[in-house]
Amino acid sequence: MEEKEQICFQIISQAGMARSCFFESIQKGREAQNLAALQAIEKGKEHYHEAHLAHRKLVQQEAQGEKVWMSLLLSHAEDLLMSADIMSELAKEFQGLYEEIQAIKQTIQSTGS
């Protein structure tokens, strides 16, 4: 397997793990498991960082004059990387919303009792 293919598989693996962690965060937030949700976001950030480092290798190779190499594999890797980036932002936004909903519920329960 060529180096560039290995890098693509690193991106796919790490970005896929990041996206899964961000999705897990949304699920945990909905279940009012705020600490677990925040931990999943942090774990997702770590995986995303690793994917980004692998992607940067390809960008640096191109910047050094190596031939641009495009394949379905690279396209898939970059798609997953962007998907993970979007999920990261959504997970953070959802966590904020879930915390607001929980605070509103607590206010309603404390004033309604």
N, C-alpha and C. Protein backbone atom coordinates (compact mmCIF):
# COMPACT_ATOMS: atom_id res chain seq x y z
N MET A 1 0.85 -1.18 0.00
CA MET A 1 0.00 0.00 0.00
C MET A 1 0.89 1.24 0.00
N GLU A 2 0.54 2.20 -0.81
CA GLU A 2 1.32 3.42 -0.90
C GLU A 2 1.11 4.30 0.33
N GLU A 3 2.07 5.18 0.55
CA GLU A 3 2.00 6.08 1.72
C GLU A 3 0.73 6.93 1.70
N LYS A 4 0.37 7.45 0.53
CA LYS A 4 -0.80 8.31 0.46
C LYS A 4 -2.08 7.54 0.77
N GLU A 5 -2.14 6.29 0.38
CA GLU A 5 -3.31 5.47 0.72
C GLU A 5 -3.37 5.22 2.23
N GLN A 6 -2.21 4.98 2.83
CA GLN A 6 -2.17 4.78 4.28
C GLN A 6 -2.64 6.04 5.01
N ILE A 7 -2.22 7.18 4.52
CA ILE A 7 -2.65 8.44 5.14
C ILE A 7 -4.16 8.58 5.02
N CYS A 8 -4.70 8.23 3.85
CA CYS A 8 -6.16 8.30 3.66
C CYS A 8 -6.88 7.41 4.66
N PHE A 9 -6.36 6.21 4.87
CA PHE A 9 -6.99 5.31 5.83
C PHE A 9 -6.88 5.85 7.26
N GLN A 10 -5.79 6.53 7.57
CA GLN A 10 -5.67 7.17 8.89
C GLN A 10 -6.75 8.24 9.05
N ILE A 11 -6.92 9.04 8.01
CA ILE A 11 -7.94 10.10 8.06
C ILE A 11 -9.32 9.48 8.23
N ILE A 12 -9.62 8.46 7.44
CA ILE A 12 -10.92 7.80 7.50
C ILE A 12 -11.18 7.23 8.89
N SER A 13 -10.19 6.55 9.43
CA SER A 13 -10.34 5.93 10.75
C SER A 13 -10.54 6.97 11.85
N GLN A 14 -9.67 7.96 11.89
CA GLN A 14 -9.73 8.96 12.96
C GLN A 14 -10.94 9.88 12.82
N ALA A 15 -11.25 10.29 11.60
CA ALA A 15 -12.42 11.15 11.39
C ALA A 15 -13.70 10.40 11.69
N GLY A 16 -13.74 9.12 11.34
CA GLY A 16 -14.92 8.30 11.65
C GLY A 16 -15.11 8.16 13.14
N MET A 17 -14.01 7.94 13.87
CA MET A 17 -14.09 7.85 15.33
C MET A 17 -14.53 9.19 15.93
N ALA A 18 -14.00 10.28 15.40
CA ALA A 18 -14.38 11.61 15.90
C ALA A 18 -15.87 11.83 15.70
N ARG A 19 -16.35 11.53 14.52
CA ARG A 19 -17.78 11.73 14.23
C ARG A 19 -18.64 10.89 15.16
N SER A 20 -18.23 9.66 15.42
CA SER A 20 -18.98 8.79 16.34
C SER A 20 -19.00 9.37 17.75
N CYS A 21 -17.88 9.90 18.19
CA CYS A 21 -17.82 10.52 19.53
C CYS A 21 -18.73 11.73 19.62
N PHE A 22 -18.75 12.55 18.58
CA PHE A 22 -19.61 13.73 18.60
C PHE A 22 -21.08 13.33 18.61
N PHE A 23 -21.41 12.29 17.87
CA PHE A 23 -22.79 11.80 17.87
C PHE A 23 -23.16 11.24 19.24
N GLU A 24 -22.21 10.52 19.86
CA GLU A 24 -22.43 9.99 21.21
C GLU A 24 -22.68 11.13 22.19
N SER A 25 -21.96 12.22 22.02
CA SER A 25 -22.14 13.39 22.89
C SER A 25 -23.57 13.91 22.81
N ILE A 26 -24.11 13.98 21.61
CA ILE A 26 -25.49 14.44 21.44
C ILE A 26 -26.45 13.51 22.15
N GLN A 27 -26.22 12.21 22.02
CA GLN A 27 -27.09 11.23 22.70
C GLN A 27 -27.00 11.37 24.21
N LYS A 28 -25.78 11.50 24.73
CA LYS A 28 -25.60 11.63 26.18
C LYS A 28 -26.23 12.93 26.70
N GLY A 29 -26.11 14.00 25.95
CA GLY A 29 -26.72 15.26 26.34
C GLY A 29 -28.23 15.15 26.42
N ARG A 30 -28.83 14.46 25.46
CA ARG A 30 -30.28 14.27 25.47
C ARG A 30 -30.72 13.50 26.71
N GLU A 31 -29.86 12.60 27.18
CA GLU A 31 -30.15 11.80 28.37
C GLU A 31 -29.75 12.51 29.66
N ALA A 32 -29.39 13.79 29.55
CA ALA A 32 -28.98 14.62 30.70
C ALA A 32 -27.72 14.08 31.38
N GLN A 33 -26.87 13.42 30.62
CA GLN A 33 -25.58 12.94 31.13
C GLN A 33 -24.51 13.93 30.65
N ASN A 34 -24.52 15.11 31.27
CA ASN A 34 -23.70 16.22 30.80
C ASN A 34 -22.20 15.93 30.85
N LEU A 35 -21.73 15.32 31.91
CA LEU A 35 -20.30 15.02 32.00
C LEU A 35 -19.89 14.05 30.91
N ALA A 36 -20.67 13.00 30.71
CA ALA A 36 -20.37 12.03 29.66
C ALA A 36 -20.41 12.69 28.28
N ALA A 37 -21.34 13.62 28.10
CA ALA A 37 -21.45 14.33 26.81
C ALA A 37 -20.19 15.16 26.57
N LEU A 38 -19.74 15.87 27.58
CA LEU A 38 -18.54 16.70 27.43
C LEU A 38 -17.30 15.85 27.22
N GLN A 39 -17.24 14.70 27.90
CA GLN A 39 -16.11 13.79 27.71
C GLN A 39 -16.08 13.24 26.29
N ALA A 40 -17.25 12.94 25.75
CA ALA A 40 -17.32 12.44 24.37
C ALA A 40 -16.87 13.52 23.38
N ILE A 41 -17.21 14.77 23.65
CA ILE A 41 -16.75 15.86 22.79
C ILE A 41 -15.22 15.94 22.83
N GLU A 42 -14.65 15.86 24.02
CA GLU A 42 -13.19 15.94 24.15
C GLU A 42 -12.51 14.78 23.43
N LYS A 43 -13.07 13.59 23.58
CA LYS A 43 -12.50 12.42 22.89
C LYS A 43 -12.61 12.60 21.38
N GLY A 44 -13.73 13.14 20.93
CA GLY A 44 -13.92 13.41 19.51
C GLY A 44 -12.90 14.41 18.99
N LYS A 45 -12.62 15.44 19.80
CA LYS A 45 -11.63 16.44 19.41
C LYS A 45 -10.25 15.81 19.22
N GLU A 46 -9.92 14.86 20.09
CA GLU A 46 -8.62 14.18 19.98
C GLU A 46 -8.54 13.40 18.67
N HIS A 47 -9.58 12.65 18.35
CA HIS A 47 -9.60 11.89 17.10
C HIS A 47 -9.57 12.83 15.89
N TYR A 48 -10.33 13.92 15.98
CA TYR A 48 -10.35 14.88 14.87
C TYR A 48 -8.95 15.48 14.66
N HIS A 49 -8.28 15.79 15.75
CA HIS A 49 -6.93 16.35 15.66
C HIS A 49 -5.99 15.38 14.93
N GLU A 50 -6.09 14.10 15.27
CA GLU A 50 -5.25 13.09 14.60
C GLU A 50 -5.57 13.01 13.11
N ALA A 51 -6.85 13.07 12.77
CA ALA A 51 -7.25 13.05 11.36
C ALA A 51 -6.71 14.28 10.64
N HIS A 52 -6.79 15.41 11.31
CA HIS A 52 -6.31 16.66 10.71
C HIS A 52 -4.79 16.61 10.49
N LEU A 53 -4.06 16.04 11.43
CA LEU A 53 -2.60 15.91 11.27
C LEU A 53 -2.27 15.05 10.06
N ALA A 54 -3.00 13.95 9.88
CA ALA A 54 -2.77 13.09 8.73
C ALA A 54 -3.09 13.83 7.43
N HIS A 55 -4.17 14.57 7.43
CA HIS A 55 -4.55 15.34 6.24
C HIS A 55 -3.50 16.39 5.92
N ARG A 56 -2.96 16.99 6.96
CA ARG A 56 -1.93 18.02 6.77
C ARG A 56 -0.71 17.46 6.05
N LYS A 57 -0.39 16.18 6.29
CA LYS A 57 0.73 15.56 5.57
C LYS A 57 0.51 15.63 4.07
N LEU A 58 -0.70 15.32 3.63
CA LEU A 58 -1.00 15.37 2.20
C LEU A 58 -0.90 16.79 1.66
N VAL A 59 -1.39 17.74 2.41
CA VAL A 59 -1.33 19.14 1.98
C VAL A 59 0.12 19.60 1.88
N GLN A 60 0.94 19.20 2.85
CA GLN A 60 2.35 19.59 2.84
C GLN A 60 3.08 18.97 1.65
N GLN A 61 2.75 17.71 1.34
CA GLN A 61 3.37 17.06 0.19
C GLN A 61 3.05 17.82 -1.09
N GLU A 62 1.81 18.23 -1.23
CA GLU A 62 1.42 18.99 -2.42
C GLU A 62 2.12 20.35 -2.44
N ALA A 63 2.22 20.99 -1.29
CA ALA A 63 2.88 22.29 -1.21
C ALA A 63 4.36 22.20 -1.57
N GLN A 64 4.95 21.03 -1.37
CA GLN A 64 6.36 20.82 -1.70
C GLN A 64 6.55 20.42 -3.16
N GLY A 65 5.47 20.46 -3.92
CA GLY A 65 5.58 20.22 -5.35
C GLY A 65 5.25 18.82 -5.81
N GLU A 66 4.85 17.95 -4.90
CA GLU A 66 4.46 16.61 -5.32
C GLU A 66 3.16 16.68 -6.11
N LYS A 67 3.01 15.75 -7.02
CA LYS A 67 1.84 15.74 -7.89
C LYS A 67 0.55 15.60 -7.08
N VAL A 68 -0.45 16.37 -7.47
CA VAL A 68 -1.77 16.28 -6.84
C VAL A 68 -2.33 14.90 -7.15
N TRP A 69 -2.77 14.22 -6.12
CA TRP A 69 -3.26 12.85 -6.25
C TRP A 69 -4.69 12.83 -5.75
N MET A 70 -5.60 12.56 -6.63
CA MET A 70 -7.01 12.52 -6.22
C MET A 70 -7.56 11.15 -6.54
N SER A 71 -8.28 10.60 -5.59
CA SER A 71 -8.89 9.29 -5.78
C SER A 71 -10.20 9.25 -5.01
N LEU A 72 -10.95 8.22 -5.24
CA LEU A 72 -12.18 8.03 -4.49
C LEU A 72 -11.87 7.88 -3.00
N LEU A 73 -10.76 7.24 -2.69
CA LEU A 73 -10.35 7.06 -1.30
C LEU A 73 -10.08 8.40 -0.62
N LEU A 74 -9.35 9.27 -1.30
CA LEU A 74 -9.06 10.59 -0.73
C LEU A 74 -10.34 11.42 -0.62
N SER A 75 -11.19 11.31 -1.62
CA SER A 75 -12.46 12.04 -1.58
C SER A 75 -13.29 11.59 -0.38
N HIS A 76 -13.33 10.29 -0.13
CA HIS A 76 -14.06 9.75 1.02
C HIS A 76 -13.43 10.24 2.32
N ALA A 77 -12.11 10.24 2.40
CA ALA A 77 -11.41 10.69 3.61
C ALA A 77 -11.74 12.16 3.90
N GLU A 78 -11.70 12.99 2.88
CA GLU A 78 -11.98 14.40 3.08
C GLU A 78 -13.45 14.63 3.42
N ASP A 79 -14.32 13.83 2.85
CA ASP A 79 -15.75 13.93 3.18
C ASP A 79 -15.97 13.61 4.66
N LEU A 80 -15.34 12.54 5.14
CA LEU A 80 -15.47 12.19 6.56
C LEU A 80 -14.88 13.27 7.46
N LEU A 81 -13.78 13.84 7.04
CA LEU A 81 -13.15 14.90 7.83
C LEU A 81 -14.08 16.10 7.97
N MET A 82 -14.70 16.50 6.88
CA MET A 82 -15.64 17.62 6.93
C MET A 82 -16.89 17.26 7.73
N SER A 83 -17.34 16.03 7.58
CA SER A 83 -18.51 15.58 8.34
C SER A 83 -18.22 15.62 9.84
N ALA A 84 -17.03 15.18 10.22
CA ALA A 84 -16.65 15.21 11.64
C ALA A 84 -16.57 16.65 12.14
N ASP A 85 -16.06 17.54 11.31
CA ASP A 85 -15.97 18.95 11.69
C ASP A 85 -17.36 19.53 11.95
N ILE A 86 -18.29 19.23 11.07
CA ILE A 86 -19.67 19.71 11.24
C ILE A 86 -20.29 19.10 12.49
N MET A 87 -20.09 17.80 12.70
CA MET A 87 -20.65 17.13 13.89
C MET A 87 -20.08 17.72 15.17
N SER A 88 -18.83 18.14 15.13
CA SER A 88 -18.21 18.77 16.30
C SER A 88 -18.98 20.03 16.69
N GLU A 89 -19.25 20.87 15.72
CA GLU A 89 -19.99 22.10 15.99
C GLU A 89 -21.41 21.81 16.45
N LEU A 90 -22.05 20.85 15.80
CA LEU A 90 -23.42 20.49 16.20
C LEU A 90 -23.46 19.93 17.62
N ALA A 91 -22.49 19.09 17.97
CA ALA A 91 -22.45 18.50 19.31
C ALA A 91 -22.34 19.59 20.37
N LYS A 92 -21.49 20.59 20.12
CA LYS A 92 -21.35 21.69 21.08
C LYS A 92 -22.64 22.49 21.20
N GLU A 93 -23.26 22.76 20.07
CA GLU A 93 -24.52 23.51 20.09
C GLU A 93 -25.63 22.72 20.80
N PHE A 94 -25.74 21.44 20.49
CA PHE A 94 -26.75 20.61 21.15
C PHE A 94 -26.51 20.55 22.65
N GLN A 95 -25.25 20.44 23.06
CA GLN A 95 -24.95 20.38 24.49
C GLN A 95 -25.45 21.64 25.18
N GLY A 96 -25.21 22.78 24.57
CA GLY A 96 -25.70 24.04 25.14
C GLY A 96 -27.21 24.07 25.23
N LEU A 97 -27.87 23.60 24.19
CA LEU A 97 -29.34 23.57 24.19
C LEU A 97 -29.88 22.62 25.26
N TYR A 98 -29.28 21.44 25.35
CA TYR A 98 -29.74 20.48 26.35
C TYR A 98 -29.56 21.04 27.77
N GLU A 99 -28.46 21.74 28.01
CA GLU A 99 -28.26 22.33 29.33
C GLU A 99 -29.31 23.40 29.62
N GLU A 100 -29.66 24.19 28.62
CA GLU A 100 -30.72 25.20 28.80
C GLU A 100 -32.06 24.53 29.08
N ILE A 101 -32.36 23.48 28.35
CA ILE A 101 -33.63 22.76 28.56
C ILE A 101 -33.67 22.18 29.97
N GLN A 102 -32.55 21.60 30.43
CA GLN A 102 -32.51 21.05 31.77
C GLN A 102 -32.72 22.14 32.82
N ALA A 103 -32.13 23.30 32.61
CA ALA A 103 -32.30 24.41 33.56
C ALA A 103 -33.75 24.88 33.59
N ILE A 104 -34.38 24.96 32.43
CA ILE A 104 -35.79 25.36 32.36
C ILE A 104 -36.66 24.34 33.08
N LYS A 105 -36.39 23.06 32.85
CA LYS A 105 -37.16 22.01 33.53
C LYS A 105 -37.02 22.12 35.04
N GLN A 106 -35.80 22.37 35.51
CA GLN A 106 -35.58 22.50 36.95
C GLN A 106 -36.32 23.70 37.51
N THR A 107 -36.33 24.79 36.77
CA THR A 107 -37.05 25.99 37.21
C THR A 107 -38.54 25.71 37.30
N ILE A 108 -39.07 25.06 36.30
CA ILE A 108 -40.50 24.73 36.29
C ILE A 108 -40.84 23.81 37.45
N GLN A 109 -40.00 22.81 37.68
CA GLN A 109 -40.27 21.87 38.77
C GLN A 109 -40.17 22.55 40.13
N SER A 110 -39.21 23.45 40.29
CA SER A 110 -39.05 24.10 41.60
C SER A 110 -40.14 25.14 41.86
N THR A 111 -40.65 25.77 40.83
CA THR A 111 -41.72 26.75 41.03
C THR A 111 -43.10 26.12 41.03
N GLY A 112 -43.21 24.95 40.44
CA GLY A 112 -44.51 24.28 40.37
C GLY A 112 -44.81 23.38 41.55
N SER A 113 -43.85 23.15 42.40
CA SER A 113 -44.06 22.22 43.52
C SER A 113 -44.80 22.84 44.65
